[in-house]
């Protein structure tokens, strides 16, 4: 199952789950996930200074209770602490509604590609800067 979730300077291009009868769900669904990520995201200072951007794919398991486990990155390393930020975001997520299979809650492995874009980051930042008169 794939979902397209655009954010401003951080966005998820897709969320993929292995095939299950019912996929896990973030509290509040996709809108809740977007709100959570926007509120908690911090573009790493090291990446900003070095001009580093790109996609970090985070793989994790949502256990049968909805908790987050086994968080790691599976994409090539970009540096600038982008991997650490993507992992931090995923590890700090609240519990999800777990996946269901045959009426029972089951663990589900998830992959979330998190795209860090300097262009989008600076475009958003400029919108918040007001000219002095």
C-alpha atoms as a PDB file:
ATOM      1  CA  UNK A   1       0.000   0.000   0.000  1.00  0.00           C
ATOM      2  CA  UNK A   2       1.437   3.391  -0.943  1.00  0.00           C
ATOM      3  CA  UNK A   3       0.403   6.852   0.176  1.00  0.00           C
ATOM      4  CA  UNK A   4       1.630  10.163  -1.225  1.00  0.00           C
ATOM      5  CA  UNK A   5       2.051  12.713   1.560  1.00  0.00           C
ATOM      6  CA  UNK A   6       3.551  16.066   0.542  1.00  0.00           C
ATOM      7  CA  UNK A   7       4.964  18.348   3.243  1.00  0.00           C
ATOM      8  CA  UNK A   8       6.737  21.666   2.912  1.00  0.00           C
ATOM      9  CA  UNK A   9      10.499  21.190   3.367  1.00  0.00           C
ATOM     10  CA  UNK A  10      10.226  17.600   4.486  1.00  0.00           C
ATOM     11  CA  UNK A  11       7.926  15.218   2.766  1.00  0.00           C
ATOM     12  CA  UNK A  12       7.165  11.571   2.532  1.00  0.00           C
ATOM     13  CA  UNK A  13       7.079  10.450  -1.048  1.00  0.00           C
ATOM     14  CA  UNK A  14       5.493   7.131  -0.123  1.00  0.00           C
ATOM     15  CA  UNK A  15       4.781   4.969   2.856  1.00  0.00           C
ATOM     16  CA  UNK A  16       4.944   1.289   2.065  1.00  0.00           C
ATOM     17  CA  UNK A  17       3.726  -1.644   4.118  1.00  0.00           C
ATOM     18  CA  UNK A  18       4.057  -5.308   3.378  1.00  0.00           C
ATOM     19  CA  UNK A  19       0.715  -6.716   2.263  1.00  0.00           C
ATOM     20  CA  UNK A  20      -1.668  -7.147   5.167  1.00  0.00           C
ATOM     21  CA  UNK A  21      -5.422  -7.416   5.500  1.00  0.00           C
ATOM     22  CA  UNK A  22      -5.452  -4.040   7.265  1.00  0.00           C
ATOM     23  CA  UNK A  23      -2.381  -1.780   7.290  1.00  0.00           C
ATOM     24  CA  UNK A  24      -1.291   0.042  10.438  1.00  0.00           C
ATOM     25  CA  UNK A  25      -2.575   3.589  10.827  1.00  0.00           C
ATOM     26  CA  UNK A  26      -1.050   6.672  12.429  1.00  0.00           C
ATOM     27  CA  UNK A  27      -3.368   8.428  14.940  1.00  0.00           C
ATOM     28  CA  UNK A  28      -5.427  10.825  12.840  1.00  0.00           C
ATOM     29  CA  UNK A  29      -4.484   9.051   9.594  1.00  0.00           C
ATOM     30  CA  UNK A  30      -2.342  10.710   6.937  1.00  0.00           C
ATOM     31  CA  UNK A  31      -3.335  14.206   8.082  1.00  0.00           C
ATOM     32  CA  UNK A  32      -2.273  13.344  11.625  1.00  0.00           C
ATOM     33  CA  UNK A  33       1.078  12.070  10.380  1.00  0.00           C
ATOM     34  CA  UNK A  34       1.673  15.219   8.318  1.00  0.00           C
ATOM     35  CA  UNK A  35       0.793  17.431  11.287  1.00  0.00           C
ATOM     36  CA  UNK A  36       3.072  15.434  13.586  1.00  0.00           C
ATOM     37  CA  UNK A  37       6.033  15.600  11.190  1.00  0.00           C
ATOM     38  CA  UNK A  38       5.634  19.326  10.487  1.00  0.00           C
ATOM     39  CA  UNK A  39       5.465  20.080  14.201  1.00  0.00           C
ATOM     40  CA  UNK A  40       8.428  17.906  15.198  1.00  0.00           C
ATOM     41  CA  UNK A  41      10.768  18.251  12.203  1.00  0.00           C
ATOM     42  CA  UNK A  42      14.095  20.040  12.531  1.00  0.00           C
ATOM     43  CA  UNK A  43      16.389  20.384   9.491  1.00  0.00           C
ATOM     44  CA  UNK A  44      19.809  19.491  10.939  1.00  0.00           C
ATOM     45  CA  UNK A  45      22.138  22.477  11.267  1.00  0.00           C
ATOM     46  CA  UNK A  46      25.055  20.439   9.888  1.00  0.00           C
ATOM     47  CA  UNK A  47      23.091  19.642   6.711  1.00  0.00           C
ATOM     48  CA  UNK A  48      22.057  23.282   6.269  1.00  0.00           C
ATOM     49  CA  UNK A  49      25.654  24.507   6.622  1.00  0.00           C
ATOM     50  CA  UNK A  50      26.960  21.861   4.214  1.00  0.00           C
ATOM     51  CA  UNK A  51      24.127  22.127   1.708  1.00  0.00           C
ATOM     52  CA  UNK A  52      23.147  18.483   2.138  1.00  0.00           C
ATOM     53  CA  UNK A  53      19.742  17.261   1.036  1.00  0.00           C
ATOM     54  CA  UNK A  54      18.213  14.061  -0.260  1.00  0.00           C
ATOM     55  CA  UNK A  55      16.077  11.082   0.642  1.00  0.00           C
ATOM     56  CA  UNK A  56      16.490   9.016   3.796  1.00  0.00           C
ATOM     57  CA  UNK A  57      14.449   5.828   3.816  1.00  0.00           C
ATOM     58  CA  UNK A  58      13.584   4.732   7.327  1.00  0.00           C
ATOM     59  CA  UNK A  59      12.537   1.145   7.966  1.00  0.00           C
ATOM     60  CA  UNK A  60      10.764   0.240  11.188  1.00  0.00           C
ATOM     61  CA  UNK A  61       8.323  -2.220  12.708  1.00  0.00           C
ATOM     62  CA  UNK A  62       4.978  -1.329  14.238  1.00  0.00           C
ATOM     63  CA  UNK A  63       4.459  -4.038  16.828  1.00  0.00           C
ATOM     64  CA  UNK A  64       1.128  -5.676  17.698  1.00  0.00           C
ATOM     65  CA  UNK A  65       0.575  -3.012  20.395  1.00  0.00           C
ATOM     66  CA  UNK A  66       1.220  -0.159  17.944  1.00  0.00           C
ATOM     67  CA  UNK A  67       4.674   0.756  19.269  1.00  0.00           C
ATOM     68  CA  UNK A  68       7.679   1.583  17.087  1.00  0.00           C
ATOM     69  CA  UNK A  69      10.582  -0.902  17.051  1.00  0.00           C
ATOM     70  CA  UNK A  70      13.710  -1.768  15.050  1.00  0.00           C
ATOM     71  CA  UNK A  71      14.215   1.686  13.513  1.00  0.00           C
ATOM     72  CA  UNK A  72      17.019   1.966  10.964  1.00  0.00           C
ATOM     73  CA  UNK A  73      17.852   3.608   7.667  1.00  0.00           C
ATOM     74  CA  UNK A  74      18.105   1.502   4.516  1.00  0.00           C
ATOM     75  CA  UNK A  75      19.162   4.178   2.014  1.00  0.00           C
ATOM     76  CA  UNK A  76      22.688   5.315   1.121  1.00  0.00           C
ATOM     77  CA  UNK A  77      24.181   7.622   3.755  1.00  0.00           C
ATOM     78  CA  UNK A  78      23.865  11.338   3.020  1.00  0.00           C
ATOM     79  CA  UNK A  79      25.515  12.731   6.147  1.00  0.00           C
ATOM     80  CA  UNK A  80      24.815  16.060   7.784  1.00  0.00           C
ATOM     81  CA  UNK A  81      22.806  14.267  10.461  1.00  0.00           C
ATOM     82  CA  UNK A  82      19.875  13.709   8.050  1.00  0.00           C
ATOM     83  CA  UNK A  83      19.721  10.024   8.989  1.00  0.00           C
ATOM     84  CA  UNK A  84      19.723  10.880  12.688  1.00  0.00           C
ATOM     85  CA  UNK A  85      16.846  13.356  12.221  1.00  0.00           C
ATOM     86  CA  UNK A  86      14.736  10.889  10.219  1.00  0.00           C
ATOM     87  CA  UNK A  87      15.312   8.180  12.852  1.00  0.00           C
ATOM     88  CA  UNK A  88      14.525  10.632  15.667  1.00  0.00           C
ATOM     89  CA  UNK A  89      11.228  11.565  14.019  1.00  0.00           C
ATOM     90  CA  UNK A  90      10.166   7.947  13.620  1.00  0.00           C
ATOM     91  CA  UNK A  91      11.277   6.840  17.099  1.00  0.00           C
ATOM     92  CA  UNK A  92       9.371   9.690  18.756  1.00  0.00           C
ATOM     93  CA  UNK A  93       6.068   8.919  16.987  1.00  0.00           C
ATOM     94  CA  UNK A  94       3.093   8.083  19.183  1.00  0.00           C
ATOM     95  CA  UNK A  95       1.644   4.580  19.034  1.00  0.00           C
ATOM     96  CA  UNK A  96      -0.041   3.610  15.765  1.00  0.00           C
ATOM     97  CA  UNK A  97      -3.184   1.559  15.330  1.00  0.00           C
ATOM     98  CA  UNK A  98      -1.564  -1.835  14.640  1.00  0.00           C
ATOM     99  CA  UNK A  99      -1.974  -3.880  11.481  1.00  0.00           C
ATOM    100  CA  UNK A 100      -4.639  -6.567  11.532  1.00  0.00           C
ATOM    101  CA  UNK A 101      -4.550 -10.022   9.981  1.00  0.00           C
ATOM    102  CA  UNK A 102      -7.419 -12.495  10.466  1.00  0.00           C
ATOM    103  CA  UNK A 103      -8.864 -10.299  13.221  1.00  0.00           C
ATOM    104  CA  UNK A 104      -5.630 -10.211  15.249  1.00  0.00           C
ATOM    105  CA  UNK A 105      -3.154  -7.376  15.725  1.00  0.00           C
ATOM    106  CA  UNK A 106       0.154  -8.290  14.084  1.00  0.00           C
ATOM    107  CA  UNK A 107       3.545  -6.615  13.663  1.00  0.00           C
ATOM    108  CA  UNK A 108       4.055  -4.770  10.370  1.00  0.00           C
ATOM    109  CA  UNK A 109       7.286  -3.638   8.760  1.00  0.00           C
ATOM    110  CA  UNK A 110       7.105  -0.142   7.269  1.00  0.00           C
ATOM    111  CA  UNK A 111       9.356   1.951   5.046  1.00  0.00           C
ATOM    112  CA  UNK A 112       9.061   5.721   4.944  1.00  0.00           C
ATOM    113  CA  UNK A 113      11.233   7.683   2.506  1.00  0.00           C
ATOM    114  CA  UNK A 114      11.775  11.113   4.067  1.00  0.00           C
ATOM    115  CA  UNK A 115      12.906  13.726   1.547  1.00  0.00           C
ATOM    116  CA  UNK A 116      14.934  16.652   2.872  1.00  0.00           C
ATOM    117  CA  UNK A 117      14.825  19.575   0.417  1.00  0.00           C
ATOM    118  CA  UNK A 118      16.881  22.730   0.931  1.00  0.00           C
ATOM    119  CA  UNK A 119      14.926  24.520  -1.800  1.00  0.00           C
ATOM    120  CA  UNK A 120      11.643  23.878   0.001  1.00  0.00           C
ATOM    121  CA  UNK A 121      13.186  24.683   3.390  1.00  0.00           C
ATOM    122  CA  UNK A 122      14.471  28.078   2.234  1.00  0.00           C
ATOM    123  CA  UNK A 123      11.282  28.833   0.262  1.00  0.00           C
ATOM    124  CA  UNK A 124       9.255  28.310   3.432  1.00  0.00           C
ATOM    125  CA  UNK A 125      11.733  30.314   5.501  1.00  0.00           C
ATOM    126  CA  UNK A 126      11.532  33.290   3.116  1.00  0.00           C
ATOM    127  CA  UNK A 127       7.747  33.342   3.442  1.00  0.00           C
ATOM    128  CA  UNK A 128       8.139  33.902   7.184  1.00  0.00           C
ATOM    129  CA  UNK A 129      10.541  36.837   6.780  1.00  0.00           C
ATOM    130  CA  UNK A 130       8.765  40.184   6.641  1.00  0.00           C
ATOM    131  CA  UNK A 131      10.445  43.307   5.239  1.00  0.00           C
ATOM    132  CA  UNK A 132      11.360  46.065   7.678  1.00  0.00           C
ATOM    133  CA  UNK A 133       9.945  49.514   6.849  1.00  0.00           C
END
